[in-house]
Amino acid sequence: MSQVESHHRFSDTQGHPWVAVDVVIFTLDRRALQCLLVQVKEGPFAGKWAFPGGLVGATESVDEAAKRELYERTGVKNAYLEQLYTFGKPERDPATRVVSVSYLALVSYPKIRLDLGAKYAAIRWFAVNRLPPLAYDHQQVARLGLQRLRSKLQYANIVYSLLPREFTLGEVQEIYETILRRPLDRRNFRKRILALGLLTPLRRVRRGAHRPAFLYSFKQRRPMVIEML
């Protein structure tokens, strides 16, 4: 997988698997849902695209490894991050035996500063509906990540991690419509979002080509289970 700097250097003479993480990082840019991919530099999948990831260090947990990889690639800390699934088929990596714990991460586009690092050949954003063929079992990882995001968006407040500190209600609705791939009634959506009590109205407006829009912020930027829609 993407974590192979070269797994040949880490071969285990006892045949025990290595533990790794892969992170599906989503963001929204120009009204498009995108995920971050890296190009594998070495090994049997050299030249293929995959999700960023790496082997879990001897002194860190899998959660810590995922947070580290997210920060190293994007420069973002304290983003929404949750464990997706553990992939462990023996044939998933031709180079060596690797069990990978996949994660879902949501980041706000303005915060991102991509860092290629030394272990990848390239790094870039891809629209989720136009992903290239992926290395390893990452096609399955991609499907699972998108399914989880669309499901979780409806019963948790994780949208906060895709938004800047200040935002309009129109921007919130745009995120929901983009990810869920369906229009939402403007009046009902705004009434519902405001009734949840999650937002603080600010005494400022955003001016642009259209009429000024009131700005809001989240009272708390932490995950909460709540019926959003």
Protein backbone atom coordinates (compact mmCIF):
# COMPACT_ATOMS: atom_id res chain seq x y z
CA MET A 1 0.00 0.00 0.00
CA SER A 2 1.05 3.60 0.15
CA GLN A 3 2.97 2.84 3.28
CA VAL A 4 5.54 0.79 1.38
CA GLU A 5 8.69 2.87 1.38
CA SER A 6 9.92 -0.58 0.75
CA HIS A 7 8.39 -3.35 2.76
CA HIS A 8 11.32 -5.52 1.74
CA ARG A 9 13.36 -3.62 4.31
CA PHE A 10 10.93 -4.66 7.04
CA SER A 11 10.55 -8.37 6.30
CA ASP A 12 9.71 -10.48 9.34
CA THR A 13 11.52 -13.78 9.42
CA GLN A 14 8.73 -15.24 11.58
CA GLY A 15 6.06 -14.39 8.99
CA HIS A 16 4.13 -12.13 11.35
CA PRO A 17 2.25 -9.25 9.70
CA TRP A 18 3.17 -5.60 10.01
CA VAL A 19 0.50 -3.15 11.14
CA ALA A 20 -0.10 -0.01 9.10
CA VAL A 21 -2.64 2.78 8.69
CA ASP A 22 -4.22 4.34 5.60
CA VAL A 23 -6.06 7.64 5.81
CA VAL A 24 -8.90 8.67 3.47
CA ILE A 25 -8.73 12.47 3.65
CA PHE A 26 -11.76 14.35 2.32
CA THR A 27 -12.14 18.06 1.63
CA LEU A 28 -14.40 20.31 -0.43
CA ASP A 29 -13.04 22.73 -3.02
CA ARG A 30 -15.00 24.60 -5.68
CA ARG A 31 -18.18 22.71 -4.80
CA ALA A 32 -16.54 19.33 -5.36
CA LEU A 33 -15.84 16.59 -2.83
CA GLN A 34 -12.22 15.53 -3.16
CA CYS A 35 -9.86 13.07 -1.51
CA LEU A 36 -6.11 13.11 -1.21
CA LEU A 37 -4.02 10.51 -3.05
CA VAL A 38 -0.29 9.84 -3.18
CA GLN A 39 1.68 8.10 -5.91
CA VAL A 40 3.55 5.02 -4.73
CA LYS A 41 7.28 5.43 -5.29
CA GLU A 42 8.61 1.89 -4.90
CA GLY A 43 7.54 -1.73 -4.80
CA PRO A 44 5.10 -3.77 -6.89
CA PHE A 45 2.64 -0.86 -7.18
CA ALA A 46 5.18 1.84 -8.09
CA GLY A 47 3.48 4.56 -10.12
CA LYS A 48 -0.01 3.71 -8.86
CA TRP A 49 -2.10 6.04 -6.71
CA ALA A 50 -3.15 5.19 -3.15
CA PHE A 51 -4.27 6.77 0.08
CA PRO A 52 -1.49 8.17 2.27
CA GLY A 53 -0.43 5.87 5.05
CA GLY A 54 2.45 4.25 6.84
CA LEU A 55 3.62 1.59 9.23
CA VAL A 56 2.69 2.06 12.86
CA GLY A 57 5.70 3.00 14.96
CA ALA A 58 6.86 0.79 17.80
CA THR A 59 5.89 3.37 20.42
CA GLU A 60 2.64 4.71 18.95
CA SER A 61 -0.97 3.52 18.77
CA VAL A 62 -2.80 3.13 15.47
CA ASP A 63 -4.74 6.33 16.23
CA GLU A 64 -1.50 8.20 16.83
CA ALA A 65 -0.06 6.85 13.57
CA ALA A 66 -3.13 8.04 11.64
CA LYS A 67 -2.93 11.51 13.24
CA ARG A 68 0.76 11.69 12.39
CA GLU A 69 0.20 10.74 8.77
CA LEU A 70 -2.63 13.27 8.44
CA TYR A 71 -0.45 16.03 9.87
CA GLU A 72 2.60 15.12 7.78
CA ARG A 73 0.64 15.21 4.54
CA THR A 74 -1.64 18.20 5.18
CA GLY A 75 -0.25 20.19 8.11
CA VAL A 76 -3.65 19.89 9.81
CA LYS A 77 -4.11 19.04 13.47
CA ASN A 78 -7.32 18.40 15.41
CA ALA A 79 -9.33 17.47 12.30
CA TYR A 80 -12.17 15.00 12.47
CA LEU A 81 -10.67 11.51 12.32
CA GLU A 82 -12.36 8.15 12.82
CA GLN A 83 -11.44 4.54 12.28
CA LEU A 84 -13.12 2.89 9.30
CA TYR A 85 -12.17 -0.76 8.96
CA THR A 86 -9.26 -3.17 9.25
CA PHE A 87 -8.07 -4.76 6.00
CA GLY A 88 -6.03 -7.91 6.40
CA LYS A 89 -6.26 -10.27 3.45
CA PRO A 90 -2.90 -12.03 3.05
CA GLU A 91 -2.67 -11.15 -0.65
CA ARG A 92 -3.44 -7.42 -0.27
CA ASP A 93 0.26 -6.49 -0.46
CA PRO A 94 2.46 -8.62 -2.77
CA ALA A 95 5.63 -7.33 -1.08
CA THR A 96 4.99 -8.57 2.44
CA ARG A 97 2.25 -9.36 4.96
CA VAL A 98 0.59 -6.13 6.11
CA VAL A 99 -2.61 -5.56 8.08
CA SER A 100 -3.90 -2.01 7.59
CA VAL A 101 -6.31 -0.01 9.73
CA SER A 102 -8.08 2.56 7.56
CA TYR A 103 -9.27 5.96 8.76
CA LEU A 104 -11.60 8.71 7.58
CA ALA A 105 -10.47 12.33 7.97
CA LEU A 106 -12.24 15.61 7.14
CA VAL A 107 -10.26 18.82 6.64
CA SER A 108 -11.15 22.38 5.65
CA TYR A 109 -9.53 23.25 2.33
CA PRO A 110 -8.05 26.65 3.33
CA LYS A 111 -6.07 25.01 6.15
CA ILE A 112 -4.27 22.47 3.96
CA ARG A 113 -0.57 22.68 3.09
CA LEU A 114 0.32 19.55 1.17
CA ASP A 115 3.70 17.94 1.86
CA LEU A 116 4.93 15.23 -0.48
CA GLY A 117 7.56 13.92 1.91
CA ALA A 118 10.32 11.56 0.82
CA LYS A 119 8.36 8.33 0.46
CA TYR A 120 5.96 9.32 -2.35
CA ALA A 121 6.43 10.23 -6.00
CA ALA A 122 3.52 12.71 -6.12
CA ILE A 123 0.58 13.99 -4.11
CA ARG A 124 -2.64 15.63 -5.30
CA TRP A 125 -6.39 15.96 -4.85
CA PHE A 126 -8.83 13.92 -6.94
CA ALA A 127 -12.59 14.36 -7.25
CA VAL A 128 -14.23 11.36 -5.59
CA ASN A 129 -16.18 10.55 -8.76
CA ARG A 130 -13.02 10.56 -10.88
CA LEU A 131 -10.51 8.49 -8.93
CA PRO A 132 -7.78 6.69 -10.89
CA PRO A 133 -7.27 2.93 -10.49
CA LEU A 134 -5.90 2.52 -6.98
CA ALA A 135 -3.16 0.28 -5.61
CA TYR A 136 -3.74 -2.58 -3.19
CA ASP A 137 -7.32 -2.79 -1.89
CA HIS A 138 -7.78 0.96 -1.86
CA GLN A 139 -10.75 0.90 -4.25
CA GLN A 140 -12.61 -0.88 -1.46
CA VAL A 141 -11.24 1.58 1.08
CA ALA A 142 -12.49 4.48 -1.06
CA ARG A 143 -16.00 3.05 -1.33
CA LEU A 144 -16.20 2.42 2.39
CA GLY A 145 -14.92 5.88 3.23
CA LEU A 146 -17.48 7.61 1.02
CA GLN A 147 -20.33 5.46 2.33
CA ARG A 148 -19.36 6.22 5.93
CA LEU A 149 -19.11 9.95 5.24
CA ARG A 150 -22.55 10.15 3.63
CA SER A 151 -24.10 8.15 6.43
CA LYS A 152 -22.35 9.93 9.31
CA LEU A 153 -23.16 13.38 7.97
CA GLN A 154 -26.83 12.77 8.70
CA TYR A 155 -26.56 11.77 12.36
CA ALA A 156 -23.44 13.59 13.58
CA ASN A 157 -22.14 17.15 13.48
CA ILE A 158 -18.90 16.27 11.66
CA VAL A 159 -19.56 18.94 9.03
CA TYR A 160 -17.69 21.35 11.35
CA SER A 161 -14.36 19.86 10.24
CA LEU A 162 -15.02 20.81 6.60
CA LEU A 163 -15.84 24.44 7.41
CA PRO A 164 -13.68 27.42 8.40
CA ARG A 165 -14.16 29.10 11.78
CA GLU A 166 -16.74 31.48 10.32
CA PHE A 167 -19.25 30.46 7.66
CA THR A 168 -22.69 31.14 6.24
CA LEU A 169 -25.70 28.85 6.37
CA GLY A 170 -25.51 28.68 2.60
CA GLU A 171 -22.04 27.15 2.86
CA VAL A 172 -23.29 24.53 5.29
CA GLN A 173 -26.13 23.58 2.95
CA GLU A 174 -23.75 23.44 0.00
CA ILE A 175 -21.61 20.87 1.79
CA TYR A 176 -24.59 18.67 2.54
CA GLU A 177 -25.92 18.88 -1.01
CA THR A 178 -22.50 18.16 -2.52
CA ILE A 179 -21.78 15.11 -0.38
CA LEU A 180 -25.30 13.67 -0.35
CA ARG A 181 -25.76 14.41 -4.07
CA ARG A 182 -29.27 15.81 -3.68
CA PRO A 183 -30.86 19.25 -3.26
CA LEU A 184 -32.26 20.34 0.09
CA ASP A 185 -35.08 22.76 0.67
CA ARG A 186 -33.41 26.01 1.71
CA ARG A 187 -36.00 27.13 4.24
CA ASN A 188 -36.43 23.76 5.93
CA PHE A 189 -32.69 23.10 6.04
CA ARG A 190 -31.87 26.41 7.70
CA LYS A 191 -34.72 26.05 10.17
CA ARG A 192 -33.49 22.60 11.11
CA ILE A 193 -29.82 23.58 11.48
CA LEU A 194 -30.63 26.60 13.64
CA ALA A 195 -33.03 24.61 15.83
CA LEU A 196 -30.26 22.17 16.77
CA GLY A 197 -28.55 24.86 18.84
CA LEU A 198 -25.09 24.04 17.49
CA LEU A 199 -24.32 27.46 16.02
CA THR A 200 -23.50 30.89 17.39
CA PRO A 201 -24.67 33.82 15.24
CA LEU A 202 -21.95 36.42 14.75
CA ARG A 203 -22.46 40.15 14.44
CA ARG A 204 -20.89 40.18 11.01
CA VAL A 205 -21.97 39.53 7.44
CA ARG A 206 -20.13 38.32 4.36
CA ARG A 207 -20.51 40.61 1.38
CA GLY A 208 -20.10 39.46 -2.19
CA ALA A 209 -21.87 39.38 -5.53
CA HIS A 210 -25.18 38.57 -3.85
CA ARG A 211 -26.97 39.98 -0.82
CA PRO A 212 -24.94 40.00 2.44
CA ALA A 213 -25.06 36.72 4.35
CA PHE A 214 -24.91 36.42 8.12
CA LEU A 215 -21.91 34.59 9.56
CA TYR A 216 -21.99 31.81 12.14
CA SER A 217 -19.55 29.68 14.10
CA PHE A 218 -19.89 26.34 15.90
CA LYS A 219 -20.32 26.55 19.66
CA GLN A 220 -18.16 23.43 19.95
CA ARG A 221 -15.89 21.90 17.35
CA ARG A 222 -15.97 18.32 18.54
CA PRO A 223 -17.88 15.24 17.35
CA MET A 224 -21.44 14.87 18.62
CA VAL A 225 -24.10 12.33 17.74
CA ILE A 226 -27.17 14.36 16.77
CA GLU A 227 -29.86 14.02 14.12
CA MET A 228 -28.75 16.63 11.61
CA LEU A 229 -31.30 15.95 8.88
